[in-house]
Amino acid sequence: LAGYFEAVRLVAQAWGWNVAEARPMTPLEPGMGWTSWDVRLAKIIRSLWLFGARGYMVSMQSFARTIKPDGGLRYGRIRLD
């Protein structure tokens, strides 16, 4: 699972989120930031839950609430949250 957690850290970093500290990264480097890939974020959160990675899951849920404070993660017309 070490490679999986590294991948989660890298994706979160690309989106401008420090998953270990559960906070936004500042300043963002060029090309970093949320890309509106709701389905990818939802799958990351669900897989963290499945693997029992509570700390990372809570961090990514905080990120989701930061970018979508009213909920509404979607894949097309399908609501993911």
PDB file of N, CA and C in Angstrom:
ATOM      1  N   LEU A   1       0.800  -1.215   0.000  1.00  0.00           N
ATOM      2  CA  LEU A   1       0.000   0.000   0.000  1.00  0.00           C
ATOM      3  C   LEU A   1       0.840   1.276   0.000  1.00  0.00           C
ATOM      4  N   ALA A   2       2.132   1.143   0.218  1.00  0.00           N
ATOM      5  CA  ALA A   2       2.990   2.332   0.267  1.00  0.00           C
ATOM      6  C   ALA A   2       2.911   3.123  -1.041  1.00  0.00           C
ATOM      7  N   GLY A   3       2.915   2.422  -2.168  1.00  0.00           N
ATOM      8  CA  GLY A   3       2.808   3.089  -3.460  1.00  0.00           C
ATOM      9  C   GLY A   3       1.477   3.785  -3.648  1.00  0.00           C
ATOM     10  N   TYR A   4       0.430   3.160  -3.130  1.00  0.00           N
ATOM     11  CA  TYR A   4      -0.909   3.768  -3.221  1.00  0.00           C
ATOM     12  C   TYR A   4      -0.946   5.085  -2.446  1.00  0.00           C
ATOM     13  N   PHE A   5      -0.425   5.068  -1.209  1.00  0.00           N
ATOM     14  CA  PHE A   5      -0.435   6.290  -0.401  1.00  0.00           C
ATOM     15  C   PHE A   5       0.435   7.376  -1.018  1.00  0.00           C
ATOM     16  N   GLU A   6       1.525   6.989  -1.643  1.00  0.00           N
ATOM     17  CA  GLU A   6       2.352   7.961  -2.349  1.00  0.00           C
ATOM     18  C   GLU A   6       1.557   8.585  -3.497  1.00  0.00           C
ATOM     19  N   ALA A   7       0.800   7.766  -4.215  1.00  0.00           N
ATOM     20  CA  ALA A   7      -0.019   8.280  -5.328  1.00  0.00           C
ATOM     21  C   ALA A   7      -1.076   9.256  -4.814  1.00  0.00           C
ATOM     22  N   VAL A   8      -1.710   8.944  -3.691  1.00  0.00           N
ATOM     23  CA  VAL A   8      -2.703   9.858  -3.108  1.00  0.00           C
ATOM     24  C   VAL A   8      -2.037  11.177  -2.750  1.00  0.00           C
ATOM     25  N   ARG A   9      -0.855  11.113  -2.130  1.00  0.00           N
ATOM     26  CA  ARG A   9      -0.130  12.346  -1.778  1.00  0.00           C
ATOM     27  C   ARG A   9       0.187  13.175  -3.023  1.00  0.00           C
ATOM     28  N   LEU A  10       0.615  12.513  -4.084  1.00  0.00           N
ATOM     29  CA  LEU A  10       0.981  13.234  -5.314  1.00  0.00           C
ATOM     30  C   LEU A  10      -0.225  13.863  -5.995  1.00  0.00           C
ATOM     31  N   VAL A  11      -1.332  13.132  -6.042  1.00  0.00           N
ATOM     32  CA  VAL A  11      -2.550  13.697  -6.642  1.00  0.00           C
ATOM     33  C   VAL A  11      -3.022  14.881  -5.814  1.00  0.00           C
ATOM     34  N   ALA A  12      -3.057  14.715  -4.498  1.00  0.00           N
ATOM     35  CA  ALA A  12      -3.484  15.812  -3.625  1.00  0.00           C
ATOM     36  C   ALA A  12      -2.568  17.025  -3.803  1.00  0.00           C
ATOM     37  N   GLN A  13      -1.268  16.777  -3.892  1.00  0.00           N
ATOM     38  CA  GLN A  13      -0.313  17.870  -4.090  1.00  0.00           C
ATOM     39  C   GLN A  13      -0.578  18.583  -5.417  1.00  0.00           C
ATOM     40  N   ALA A  14      -0.856  17.824  -6.456  1.00  0.00           N
ATOM     41  CA  ALA A  14      -1.153  18.431  -7.754  1.00  0.00           C
ATOM     42  C   ALA A  14      -2.389  19.313  -7.666  1.00  0.00           C
ATOM     43  N   TRP A  15      -3.319  18.931  -6.792  1.00  0.00           N
ATOM     44  CA  TRP A  15      -4.539  19.728  -6.594  1.00  0.00           C
ATOM     45  C   TRP A  15      -4.337  20.864  -5.597  1.00  0.00           C
ATOM     46  N   GLY A  16      -3.121  20.947  -5.017  1.00  0.00           N
ATOM     47  CA  GLY A  16      -2.839  22.029  -4.078  1.00  0.00           C
ATOM     48  C   GLY A  16      -3.223  21.710  -2.649  1.00  0.00           C
ATOM     49  N   TRP A  17      -3.261  20.421  -2.286  1.00  0.00           N
ATOM     50  CA  TRP A  17      -3.670  20.014  -0.945  1.00  0.00           C
ATOM     51  C   TRP A  17      -2.559  19.194  -0.292  1.00  0.00           C
ATOM     52  N   ASN A  18      -2.213  19.536   0.941  1.00  0.00           N
ATOM     53  CA  ASN A  18      -1.246  18.769   1.723  1.00  0.00           C
ATOM     54  C   ASN A  18      -2.039  17.734   2.512  1.00  0.00           C
ATOM     55  N   VAL A  19      -2.057  16.500   2.033  1.00  0.00           N
ATOM     56  CA  VAL A  19      -2.901  15.466   2.630  1.00  0.00           C
ATOM     57  C   VAL A  19      -2.431  15.099   4.034  1.00  0.00           C
ATOM     58  N   ALA A  20      -1.146  15.117   4.294  1.00  0.00           N
ATOM     59  CA  ALA A  20      -0.631  14.753   5.621  1.00  0.00           C
ATOM     60  C   ALA A  20      -1.022  15.783   6.677  1.00  0.00           C
ATOM     61  N   GLU A  21      -1.070  17.053   6.282  1.00  0.00           N
ATOM     62  CA  GLU A  21      -1.402  18.129   7.226  1.00  0.00           C
ATOM     63  C   GLU A  21      -2.848  18.601   7.097  1.00  0.00           C
ATOM     64  N   ALA A  22      -3.589  18.045   6.148  1.00  0.00           N
ATOM     65  CA  ALA A  22      -5.008  18.387   5.930  1.00  0.00           C
ATOM     66  C   ALA A  22      -5.214  19.890   5.767  1.00  0.00           C
ATOM     67  N   ARG A  23      -4.439  20.467   4.855  1.00  0.00           N
ATOM     68  CA  ARG A  23      -4.570  21.915   4.616  1.00  0.00           C
ATOM     69  C   ARG A  23      -4.119  22.247   3.194  1.00  0.00           C
ATOM     70  N   PRO A  24      -4.580  23.400   2.704  1.00  0.00           N
ATOM     71  CA  PRO A  24      -4.136  23.825   1.371  1.00  0.00           C
ATOM     72  C   PRO A  24      -2.641  24.132   1.361  1.00  0.00           C
ATOM     73  N   MET A  25      -2.031  23.909   0.204  1.00  0.00           N
ATOM     74  CA  MET A  25      -0.626  24.257   0.021  1.00  0.00           C
ATOM     75  C   MET A  25      -0.558  25.696  -0.494  1.00  0.00           C
ATOM     76  N   THR A  26       0.372  26.452   0.026  1.00  0.00           N
ATOM     77  CA  THR A  26       0.564  27.810  -0.456  1.00  0.00           C
ATOM     78  C   THR A  26       2.060  28.106  -0.486  1.00  0.00           C
ATOM     79  N   PRO A  27       2.512  28.806  -1.467  1.00  0.00           N
ATOM     80  CA  PRO A  27       1.786  29.182  -2.686  1.00  0.00           C
ATOM     81  C   PRO A  27       1.721  27.990  -3.648  1.00  0.00           C
ATOM     82  N   LEU A  28       0.756  28.042  -4.539  1.00  0.00           N
ATOM     83  CA  LEU A  28       0.645  27.010  -5.570  1.00  0.00           C
ATOM     84  C   LEU A  28       1.645  27.294  -6.682  1.00  0.00           C
ATOM     85  N   GLU A  29       2.256  26.245  -7.157  1.00  0.00           N
ATOM     86  CA  GLU A  29       3.148  26.390  -8.299  1.00  0.00           C
ATOM     87  C   GLU A  29       2.317  26.365  -9.579  1.00  0.00           C
ATOM     88  N   PRO A  30       2.855  26.886 -10.688  1.00  0.00           N
ATOM     89  CA  PRO A  30       2.102  26.863 -11.950  1.00  0.00           C
ATOM     90  C   PRO A  30       1.648  25.438 -12.295  1.00  0.00           C
ATOM     91  N   GLY A  31       0.414  25.311 -12.689  1.00  0.00           N
ATOM     92  CA  GLY A  31      -0.148  24.016 -13.064  1.00  0.00           C
ATOM     93  C   GLY A  31      -0.816  23.280 -11.914  1.00  0.00           C
ATOM     94  N   MET A  32      -0.640  23.761 -10.679  1.00  0.00           N
ATOM     95  CA  MET A  32      -1.273  23.121  -9.530  1.00  0.00           C
ATOM     96  C   MET A  32      -2.658  23.701  -9.320  1.00  0.00           C
ATOM     97  N   GLY A  33      -3.557  22.901  -8.783  1.00  0.00           N
ATOM     98  CA  GLY A  33      -4.889  23.381  -8.445  1.00  0.00           C
ATOM     99  C   GLY A  33      -5.953  22.357  -8.817  1.00  0.00           C
ATOM    100  N   TRP A  34      -7.143  22.594  -8.336  1.00  0.00           N
ATOM    101  CA  TRP A  34      -8.260  21.694  -8.565  1.00  0.00           C
ATOM    102  C   TRP A  34      -8.607  21.646 -10.047  1.00  0.00           C
ATOM    103  N   THR A  35      -8.797  20.440 -10.557  1.00  0.00           N
ATOM    104  CA  THR A  35      -9.046  20.225 -11.982  1.00  0.00           C
ATOM    105  C   THR A  35     -10.484  19.812 -12.283  1.00  0.00           C
ATOM    106  N   SER A  36     -11.337  19.845 -11.273  1.00  0.00           N
ATOM    107  CA  SER A  36     -12.763  19.490 -11.419  1.00  0.00           C
ATOM    108  C   SER A  36     -12.975  18.032 -11.788  1.00  0.00           C
ATOM    109  N   TRP A  37     -12.097  17.169 -11.340  1.00  0.00           N
ATOM    110  CA  TRP A  37     -12.259  15.731 -11.561  1.00  0.00           C
ATOM    111  C   TRP A  37     -12.945  15.125 -10.348  1.00  0.00           C
ATOM    112  N   ASP A  38     -14.230  15.449 -10.202  1.00  0.00           N
ATOM    113  CA  ASP A  38     -15.000  15.003  -9.043  1.00  0.00           C
ATOM    114  C   ASP A  38     -14.940  13.494  -8.859  1.00  0.00           C
ATOM    115  N   VAL A  39     -15.062  12.753  -9.961  1.00  0.00           N
ATOM    116  CA  VAL A  39     -15.096  11.295  -9.844  1.00  0.00           C
ATOM    117  C   VAL A  39     -13.782  10.757  -9.294  1.00  0.00           C
ATOM    118  N   ARG A  40     -12.671  11.344  -9.675  1.00  0.00           N
ATOM    119  CA  ARG A  40     -11.377  10.890  -9.156  1.00  0.00           C
ATOM    120  C   ARG A  40     -11.295  11.139  -7.649  1.00  0.00           C
ATOM    121  N   LEU A  41     -11.728  12.314  -7.210  1.00  0.00           N
ATOM    122  CA  LEU A  41     -11.711  12.629  -5.785  1.00  0.00           C
ATOM    123  C   LEU A  41     -12.625  11.676  -5.016  1.00  0.00           C
ATOM    124  N   ALA A  42     -13.809  11.431  -5.532  1.00  0.00           N
ATOM    125  CA  ALA A  42     -14.739  10.522  -4.862  1.00  0.00           C
ATOM    126  C   ALA A  42     -14.148   9.113  -4.758  1.00  0.00           C
ATOM    127  N   LYS A  43     -13.496   8.656  -5.805  1.00  0.00           N
ATOM    128  CA  LYS A  43     -12.882   7.317  -5.777  1.00  0.00           C
ATOM    129  C   LYS A  43     -11.715   7.263  -4.788  1.00  0.00           C
ATOM    130  N   ILE A  44     -10.950   8.327  -4.705  1.00  0.00           N
ATOM    131  CA  ILE A  44      -9.854   8.369  -3.732  1.00  0.00           C
ATOM    132  C   ILE A  44     -10.408   8.268  -2.317  1.00  0.00           C
ATOM    133  N   ILE A  45     -11.434   9.054  -2.022  1.00  0.00           N
ATOM    134  CA  ILE A  45     -12.023   9.036  -0.677  1.00  0.00           C
ATOM    135  C   ILE A  45     -12.582   7.651  -0.357  1.00  0.00           C
ATOM    136  N   ARG A  46     -13.297   7.051  -1.298  1.00  0.00           N
ATOM    137  CA  ARG A  46     -13.864   5.719  -1.062  1.00  0.00           C
ATOM    138  C   ARG A  46     -12.783   4.663  -0.882  1.00  0.00           C
ATOM    139  N   SER A  47     -11.730   4.737  -1.680  1.00  0.00           N
ATOM    140  CA  SER A  47     -10.676   3.728  -1.549  1.00  0.00           C
ATOM    141  C   SER A  47      -9.926   3.900  -0.231  1.00  0.00           C
ATOM    142  N   LEU A  48      -9.735   5.122   0.226  1.00  0.00           N
ATOM    143  CA  LEU A  48      -9.102   5.337   1.522  1.00  0.00           C
ATOM    144  C   LEU A  48      -9.953   4.729   2.633  1.00  0.00           C
ATOM    145  N   TRP A  49     -11.262   4.863   2.516  1.00  0.00           N
ATOM    146  CA  TRP A  49     -12.161   4.241   3.481  1.00  0.00           C
ATOM    147  C   TRP A  49     -12.021   2.718   3.436  1.00  0.00           C
ATOM    148  N   LEU A  50     -12.003   2.156   2.227  1.00  0.00           N
ATOM    149  CA  LEU A  50     -11.878   0.701   2.083  1.00  0.00           C
ATOM    150  C   LEU A  50     -10.567   0.175   2.674  1.00  0.00           C
ATOM    151  N   PHE A  51      -9.491   0.933   2.524  1.00  0.00           N
ATOM    152  CA  PHE A  51      -8.194   0.509   3.042  1.00  0.00           C
ATOM    153  C   PHE A  51      -8.009   0.865   4.519  1.00  0.00           C
ATOM    154  N   GLY A  52      -9.003   1.495   5.114  1.00  0.00           N
ATOM    155  CA  GLY A  52      -8.920   1.835   6.536  1.00  0.00           C
ATOM    156  C   GLY A  52      -7.941   2.946   6.847  1.00  0.00           C
ATOM    157  N   ALA A  53      -7.684   3.803   5.863  1.00  0.00           N
ATOM    158  CA  ALA A  53      -6.733   4.911   6.031  1.00  0.00           C
ATOM    159  C   ALA A  53      -7.485   6.150   6.506  1.00  0.00           C
ATOM    160  N   ARG A  54      -7.940   6.102   7.751  1.00  0.00           N
ATOM    161  CA  ARG A  54      -8.815   7.144   8.280  1.00  0.00           C
ATOM    162  C   ARG A  54      -8.217   8.544   8.189  1.00  0.00           C
ATOM    163  N   GLY A  55      -6.956   8.712   8.553  1.00  0.00           N
ATOM    164  CA  GLY A  55      -6.348  10.043   8.530  1.00  0.00           C
ATOM    165  C   GLY A  55      -6.350  10.666   7.148  1.00  0.00           C
ATOM    166  N   TYR A  56      -5.925   9.902   6.162  1.00  0.00           N
ATOM    167  CA  TYR A  56      -5.929  10.404   4.783  1.00  0.00           C
ATOM    168  C   TYR A  56      -7.358  10.614   4.294  1.00  0.00           C
ATOM    169  N   MET A  57      -8.267   9.723   4.667  1.00  0.00           N
ATOM    170  CA  MET A  57      -9.658   9.861   4.230  1.00  0.00           C
ATOM    171  C   MET A  57     -10.261  11.156   4.769  1.00  0.00           C
ATOM    172  N   VAL A  58     -10.062  11.416   6.048  1.00  0.00           N
ATOM    173  CA  VAL A  58     -10.595  12.645   6.651  1.00  0.00           C
ATOM    174  C   VAL A  58      -9.969  13.868   5.988  1.00  0.00           C
ATOM    175  N   SER A  59      -8.679  13.797   5.700  1.00  0.00           N
ATOM    176  CA  SER A  59      -8.004  14.913   5.024  1.00  0.00           C
ATOM    177  C   SER A  59      -8.616  15.171   3.650  1.00  0.00           C
ATOM    178  N   MET A  60      -8.824  14.120   2.867  1.00  0.00           N
ATOM    179  CA  MET A  60      -9.384  14.303   1.524  1.00  0.00           C
ATOM    180  C   MET A  60     -10.855  14.727   1.590  1.00  0.00           C
ATOM    181  N   GLN A  61     -11.576  14.301   2.625  1.00  0.00           N
ATOM    182  CA  GLN A  61     -12.938  14.800   2.818  1.00  0.00           C
ATOM    183  C   GLN A  61     -12.915  16.293   3.121  1.00  0.00           C
ATOM    184  N   SER A  62     -11.937  16.730   3.905  1.00  0.00           N
ATOM    185  CA  SER A  62     -11.786  18.168   4.185  1.00  0.00           C
ATOM    186  C   SER A  62     -11.495  18.930   2.898  1.00  0.00           C
ATOM    187  N   PHE A  63     -10.656  18.351   2.046  1.00  0.00           N
ATOM    188  CA  PHE A  63     -10.384  18.974   0.756  1.00  0.00           C
ATOM    189  C   PHE A  63     -11.673  19.088  -0.057  1.00  0.00           C
ATOM    190  N   ALA A  64     -12.463  18.011  -0.089  1.00  0.00           N
ATOM    191  CA  ALA A  64     -13.727  18.029  -0.835  1.00  0.00           C
ATOM    192  C   ALA A  64     -14.651  19.130  -0.309  1.00  0.00           C
ATOM    193  N   ARG A  65     -14.719  19.280   1.016  1.00  0.00           N
ATOM    194  CA  ARG A  65     -15.566  20.331   1.587  1.00  0.00           C
ATOM    195  C   ARG A  65     -15.002  21.717   1.304  1.00  0.00           C
ATOM    196  N   THR A  66     -13.680  21.817   1.135  1.00  0.00           N
ATOM    197  CA  THR A  66     -13.058  23.099   0.807  1.00  0.00           C
ATOM    198  C   THR A  66     -13.412  23.530  -0.608  1.00  0.00           C
ATOM    199  N   ILE A  67     -13.357  22.588  -1.551  1.00  0.00           N
ATOM    200  CA  ILE A  67     -13.616  22.962  -2.945  1.00  0.00           C
ATOM    201  C   ILE A  67     -15.096  22.946  -3.299  1.00  0.00           C
ATOM    202  N   LYS A  68     -15.892  22.176  -2.554  1.00  0.00           N
ATOM    203  CA  LYS A  68     -17.336  22.079  -2.797  1.00  0.00           C
ATOM    204  C   LYS A  68     -18.054  22.184  -1.454  1.00  0.00           C
ATOM    205  N   PRO A  69     -18.097  23.377  -0.860  1.00  0.00           N
ATOM    206  CA  PRO A  69     -18.644  23.516   0.499  1.00  0.00           C
ATOM    207  C   PRO A  69     -20.106  23.086   0.628  1.00  0.00           C
ATOM    208  N   ASP A  70     -20.847  23.093  -0.459  1.00  0.00           N
ATOM    209  CA  ASP A  70     -22.250  22.675  -0.411  1.00  0.00           C
ATOM    210  C   ASP A  70     -22.439  21.256  -0.924  1.00  0.00           C
ATOM    211  N   GLY A  71     -21.343  20.489  -1.049  1.00  0.00           N
ATOM    212  CA  GLY A  71     -21.432  19.134  -1.595  1.00  0.00           C
ATOM    213  C   GLY A  71     -21.568  19.210  -3.104  1.00  0.00           C
ATOM    214  N   GLY A  72     -21.970  18.137  -3.694  1.00  0.00           N
ATOM    215  CA  GLY A  72     -22.222  18.158  -5.114  1.00  0.00           C
ATOM    216  C   GLY A  72     -21.123  17.578  -5.983  1.00  0.00           C
ATOM    217  N   LEU A  73     -20.324  16.641  -5.458  1.00  0.00           N
ATOM    218  CA  LEU A  73     -19.382  15.951  -6.336  1.00  0.00           C
ATOM    219  C   LEU A  73     -20.197  15.169  -7.352  1.00  0.00           C
ATOM    220  N   ARG A  74     -19.886  15.337  -8.617  1.00  0.00           N
ATOM    221  CA  ARG A  74     -20.685  14.726  -9.674  1.00  0.00           C
ATOM    222  C   ARG A  74     -19.835  14.042 -10.734  1.00  0.00           C
ATOM    223  N   TYR A  75     -20.455  13.065 -11.356  1.00  0.00           N
ATOM    224  CA  TYR A  75     -19.908  12.432 -12.551  1.00  0.00           C
ATOM    225  C   TYR A  75     -21.033  12.491 -13.568  1.00  0.00           C
ATOM    226  N   GLY A  76     -20.968  13.478 -14.464  1.00  0.00           N
ATOM    227  CA  GLY A  76     -22.098  13.715 -15.356  1.00  0.00           C
ATOM    228  C   GLY A  76     -23.307  14.115 -14.537  1.00  0.00           C
ATOM    229  N   ARG A  77     -24.386  13.367 -14.679  1.00  0.00           N
ATOM    230  CA  ARG A  77     -25.599  13.658 -13.913  1.00  0.00           C
ATOM    231  C   ARG A  77     -25.666  12.890 -12.603  1.00  0.00           C
ATOM    232  N   ILE A  78     -24.676  12.041 -12.336  1.00  0.00           N
ATOM    233  CA  ILE A  78     -24.683  11.189 -11.149  1.00  0.00           C
ATOM    234  C   ILE A  78     -24.024  11.926  -9.988  1.00  0.00           C
ATOM    235  N   ARG A  79     -24.750  12.057  -8.906  1.00  0.00           N
ATOM    236  CA  ARG A  79     -24.202  12.696  -7.703  1.00  0.00           C
ATOM    237  C   ARG A  79     -23.380  11.664  -6.939  1.00  0.00           C
ATOM    238  N   LEU A  80     -22.155  12.021  -6.555  1.00  0.00           N
ATOM    239  CA  LEU A  80     -21.226  11.063  -5.947  1.00  0.00           C
ATOM    240  C   LEU A  80     -21.128  11.168  -4.433  1.00  0.00           C
ATOM    241  N   ASP A  81     -21.698  12.221  -3.846  1.00  0.00           N
ATOM    242  CA  ASP A  81     -21.538  12.360  -2.386  1.00  0.00           C
ATOM    243  C   ASP A  81     -22.803  12.130  -1.621  1.00  0.00           C
TER     244      ASP A  81
END
